[in-house]
């Protein structure tokens, strides 16, 4: 998903992707939570994808090391037509 979005110029954070979960947990509990998620068949692909650091703002690092600042969406997302 990550690589395809970067190649196509899509924003994965605002891309319709039902069935996914993002959790923020204390650093010292991350591995324990990950083990519990992976113990269930639906969580077998669970992964740690980032960390919170003591700096202002939120930044993401792309597949090729490109960093960008994440802002709140400027508009409401468009509804999906399934």
N, C-alpha and C. Protein backbone atom coordinates (compact mmCIF):
# COMPACT_ATOMS: atom_id res chain seq x y z
N UNK A 1 0.83 -1.18 0.00
CA UNK A 1 0.00 0.00 0.00
C UNK A 1 0.87 1.25 0.00
N UNK A 2 1.86 1.25 0.91
CA UNK A 2 2.70 2.43 1.04
C UNK A 2 3.42 2.77 -0.26
N UNK A 3 4.06 1.78 -0.85
CA UNK A 3 4.82 2.01 -2.07
C UNK A 3 3.94 2.41 -3.24
N UNK A 4 2.79 1.76 -3.38
CA UNK A 4 1.87 2.08 -4.47
C UNK A 4 1.36 3.51 -4.33
N UNK A 5 0.99 3.90 -3.13
CA UNK A 5 0.50 5.27 -2.92
C UNK A 5 1.58 6.30 -3.27
N UNK A 6 2.81 6.03 -2.86
CA UNK A 6 3.88 6.98 -3.17
C UNK A 6 4.13 7.06 -4.67
N UNK A 7 4.13 5.92 -5.34
CA UNK A 7 4.37 5.92 -6.79
C UNK A 7 3.27 6.65 -7.54
N UNK A 8 2.03 6.53 -7.07
CA UNK A 8 0.90 7.16 -7.74
C UNK A 8 0.58 8.55 -7.22
N UNK A 9 1.30 9.00 -6.18
CA UNK A 9 1.05 10.32 -5.62
C UNK A 9 -0.22 10.41 -4.79
N UNK A 10 -0.66 9.27 -4.25
CA UNK A 10 -1.87 9.25 -3.43
C UNK A 10 -1.51 9.45 -1.96
N UNK A 11 -2.41 10.00 -1.19
CA UNK A 11 -2.21 10.21 0.23
C UNK A 11 -2.83 9.05 1.00
N UNK A 12 -2.01 8.13 1.46
CA UNK A 12 -2.50 6.92 2.13
C UNK A 12 -3.27 7.24 3.40
N UNK A 13 -2.98 8.36 4.04
CA UNK A 13 -3.67 8.70 5.29
C UNK A 13 -5.11 9.15 5.05
N UNK A 14 -5.42 9.59 3.86
CA UNK A 14 -6.77 10.03 3.55
C UNK A 14 -7.43 9.17 2.47
N UNK A 15 -6.86 8.03 2.24
CA UNK A 15 -7.34 7.10 1.24
C UNK A 15 -8.33 6.14 1.90
N UNK A 16 -9.46 5.88 1.24
CA UNK A 16 -10.44 4.95 1.81
C UNK A 16 -9.80 3.58 1.98
N UNK A 17 -9.83 3.06 3.19
CA UNK A 17 -9.16 1.80 3.48
C UNK A 17 -9.83 1.17 4.69
N UNK A 18 -11.03 0.68 4.53
CA UNK A 18 -11.77 0.10 5.64
C UNK A 18 -11.07 -1.14 6.17
N UNK A 19 -11.32 -1.42 7.43
CA UNK A 19 -10.78 -2.64 8.02
C UNK A 19 -9.38 -2.49 8.59
N UNK A 20 -8.90 -1.26 8.75
CA UNK A 20 -7.57 -1.02 9.31
C UNK A 20 -7.70 -0.34 10.66
N UNK A 21 -6.68 -0.47 11.48
CA UNK A 21 -6.69 0.09 12.83
C UNK A 21 -5.33 0.70 13.12
N UNK A 22 -5.33 1.90 13.67
CA UNK A 22 -4.11 2.53 14.13
C UNK A 22 -4.24 2.73 15.63
N UNK A 23 -3.26 2.23 16.38
CA UNK A 23 -3.25 2.37 17.84
C UNK A 23 -2.05 3.20 18.26
N UNK A 24 -2.22 3.98 19.29
CA UNK A 24 -1.10 4.68 19.91
C UNK A 24 -0.98 4.11 21.32
N UNK A 25 0.15 3.49 21.61
CA UNK A 25 0.36 2.86 22.91
C UNK A 25 1.70 3.32 23.49
N UNK A 26 1.84 3.16 24.80
CA UNK A 26 3.10 3.52 25.45
C UNK A 26 4.25 2.68 24.87
N UNK A 27 5.40 3.30 24.69
CA UNK A 27 6.55 2.62 24.09
C UNK A 27 6.87 1.31 24.79
N UNK A 28 6.83 1.29 26.13
CA UNK A 28 7.18 0.06 26.85
C UNK A 28 6.13 -1.04 26.74
N UNK A 29 4.97 -0.73 26.16
CA UNK A 29 3.92 -1.74 25.95
C UNK A 29 3.77 -2.14 24.49
N UNK A 30 4.48 -1.46 23.60
CA UNK A 30 4.29 -1.67 22.16
C UNK A 30 4.50 -3.12 21.74
N UNK A 31 5.57 -3.74 22.15
CA UNK A 31 5.85 -5.12 21.74
C UNK A 31 4.81 -6.08 22.31
N UNK A 32 4.36 -5.85 23.53
CA UNK A 32 3.34 -6.69 24.15
C UNK A 32 2.01 -6.58 23.39
N UNK A 33 1.61 -5.35 23.07
CA UNK A 33 0.38 -5.14 22.31
C UNK A 33 0.50 -5.79 20.93
N UNK A 34 1.65 -5.63 20.29
CA UNK A 34 1.87 -6.21 18.97
C UNK A 34 1.75 -7.74 19.02
N UNK A 35 2.32 -8.34 20.05
CA UNK A 35 2.24 -9.81 20.20
C UNK A 35 0.80 -10.26 20.36
N UNK A 36 0.02 -9.52 21.14
CA UNK A 36 -1.40 -9.87 21.31
C UNK A 36 -2.17 -9.73 20.00
N UNK A 37 -1.92 -8.66 19.26
CA UNK A 37 -2.59 -8.49 17.97
C UNK A 37 -2.24 -9.61 17.02
N UNK A 38 -0.97 -9.98 16.96
CA UNK A 38 -0.52 -11.04 16.04
C UNK A 38 -1.01 -12.42 16.46
N UNK A 39 -1.42 -12.58 17.70
CA UNK A 39 -1.90 -13.89 18.15
C UNK A 39 -3.27 -14.22 17.58
N UNK A 40 -3.95 -13.24 17.02
CA UNK A 40 -5.26 -13.45 16.41
C UNK A 40 -5.07 -13.52 14.89
N UNK A 41 -5.83 -14.37 14.23
CA UNK A 41 -5.70 -14.53 12.77
C UNK A 41 -5.85 -13.21 12.02
N UNK A 42 -6.73 -12.35 12.47
CA UNK A 42 -6.95 -11.08 11.77
C UNK A 42 -5.84 -10.06 12.05
N UNK A 43 -4.99 -10.33 13.03
CA UNK A 43 -3.92 -9.40 13.36
C UNK A 43 -2.54 -9.90 12.97
N UNK A 44 -2.48 -10.94 12.18
CA UNK A 44 -1.18 -11.55 11.85
C UNK A 44 -0.22 -10.60 11.14
N UNK A 45 -0.75 -9.59 10.45
CA UNK A 45 0.10 -8.64 9.73
C UNK A 45 0.32 -7.35 10.51
N UNK A 46 -0.05 -7.34 11.79
CA UNK A 46 0.12 -6.13 12.60
C UNK A 46 1.59 -5.73 12.63
N UNK A 47 1.84 -4.42 12.68
CA UNK A 47 3.22 -3.93 12.66
C UNK A 47 3.31 -2.59 13.37
N UNK A 48 4.48 -2.31 13.90
CA UNK A 48 4.78 -0.99 14.45
C UNK A 48 5.22 -0.13 13.27
N UNK A 49 4.52 0.99 13.06
CA UNK A 49 4.80 1.81 11.88
C UNK A 49 5.34 3.20 12.21
N UNK A 50 5.51 3.51 13.48
CA UNK A 50 6.02 4.83 13.81
C UNK A 50 6.15 5.00 15.31
N UNK A 51 6.54 6.18 15.70
CA UNK A 51 6.67 6.49 17.12
C UNK A 51 6.41 7.97 17.36
N UNK A 52 6.00 8.29 18.57
CA UNK A 52 5.78 9.67 18.97
C UNK A 52 7.07 10.16 19.60
N UNK A 53 7.52 11.32 19.17
CA UNK A 53 8.75 11.91 19.71
C UNK A 53 8.44 13.28 20.29
N UNK A 54 9.33 13.78 21.11
CA UNK A 54 9.12 15.05 21.79
C UNK A 54 9.53 16.23 20.92
N UNK A 55 8.86 16.39 19.79
CA UNK A 55 9.07 17.53 18.91
C UNK A 55 7.70 18.03 18.48
N UNK A 56 7.59 19.30 18.21
CA UNK A 56 6.28 19.81 17.76
C UNK A 56 5.94 19.33 16.36
N UNK A 57 4.65 19.18 16.10
CA UNK A 57 4.20 18.78 14.78
C UNK A 57 4.25 17.28 14.57
N UNK A 58 3.67 16.85 13.47
CA UNK A 58 3.66 15.44 13.11
C UNK A 58 4.25 15.31 11.72
N UNK A 59 5.23 14.43 11.58
CA UNK A 59 5.87 14.22 10.29
C UNK A 59 5.83 12.74 9.94
N UNK A 60 5.73 12.46 8.67
CA UNK A 60 5.81 11.08 8.20
C UNK A 60 7.06 10.95 7.34
N UNK A 61 7.60 9.73 7.31
CA UNK A 61 8.76 9.45 6.49
C UNK A 61 8.33 8.45 5.44
N UNK A 62 8.47 8.82 4.18
CA UNK A 62 8.03 7.97 3.08
C UNK A 62 8.99 6.83 2.80
N UNK A 63 8.61 6.02 1.85
CA UNK A 63 9.35 4.83 1.46
C UNK A 63 10.80 5.14 1.11
N UNK A 64 11.05 6.28 0.48
CA UNK A 64 12.39 6.65 0.05
C UNK A 64 13.03 7.69 0.97
N UNK A 65 12.53 7.79 2.21
CA UNK A 65 13.10 8.70 3.18
C UNK A 65 12.61 10.13 3.09
N UNK A 66 11.65 10.39 2.22
CA UNK A 66 11.10 11.75 2.07
C UNK A 66 10.23 12.06 3.30
N UNK A 67 10.49 13.18 3.95
CA UNK A 67 9.74 13.58 5.13
C UNK A 67 8.74 14.66 4.77
N UNK A 68 7.55 14.58 5.37
CA UNK A 68 6.55 15.62 5.15
C UNK A 68 5.77 15.86 6.43
N UNK A 69 5.35 17.10 6.60
CA UNK A 69 4.56 17.47 7.77
C UNK A 69 3.10 17.10 7.50
N UNK A 70 2.46 16.49 8.49
CA UNK A 70 1.06 16.11 8.36
C UNK A 70 0.19 17.18 9.00
N UNK A 71 -0.77 17.65 8.26
CA UNK A 71 -1.71 18.65 8.75
C UNK A 71 -3.08 18.01 8.89
N UNK A 72 -3.96 18.69 9.61
CA UNK A 72 -5.35 18.24 9.65
C UNK A 72 -5.96 18.43 8.27
N UNK A 73 -6.92 17.59 7.90
CA UNK A 73 -7.56 17.77 6.59
C UNK A 73 -8.20 19.16 6.49
N UNK A 74 -8.14 19.74 5.31
CA UNK A 74 -8.71 21.08 5.08
C UNK A 74 -10.20 21.03 4.82
N UNK A 75 -10.70 19.87 4.40
CA UNK A 75 -12.12 19.70 4.11
C UNK A 75 -12.58 18.34 4.62
N UNK A 76 -13.88 18.14 4.62
CA UNK A 76 -14.42 16.83 4.96
C UNK A 76 -14.15 15.87 3.81
N UNK A 77 -13.85 14.61 4.11
CA UNK A 77 -13.62 13.66 3.02
C UNK A 77 -14.89 13.44 2.21
N UNK A 78 -14.70 13.17 0.94
CA UNK A 78 -15.83 12.87 0.08
C UNK A 78 -16.37 11.48 0.40
N UNK A 79 -17.67 11.30 0.36
CA UNK A 79 -18.22 9.98 0.64
C UNK A 79 -17.85 8.99 -0.46
N UNK A 80 -17.65 7.76 -0.07
CA UNK A 80 -17.34 6.72 -1.06
C UNK A 80 -18.63 6.18 -1.64
N UNK A 81 -18.58 5.88 -2.90
CA UNK A 81 -19.72 5.23 -3.55
C UNK A 81 -19.28 3.81 -3.85
N UNK A 82 -19.88 2.86 -3.15
CA UNK A 82 -19.46 1.46 -3.30
C UNK A 82 -20.31 0.74 -4.33
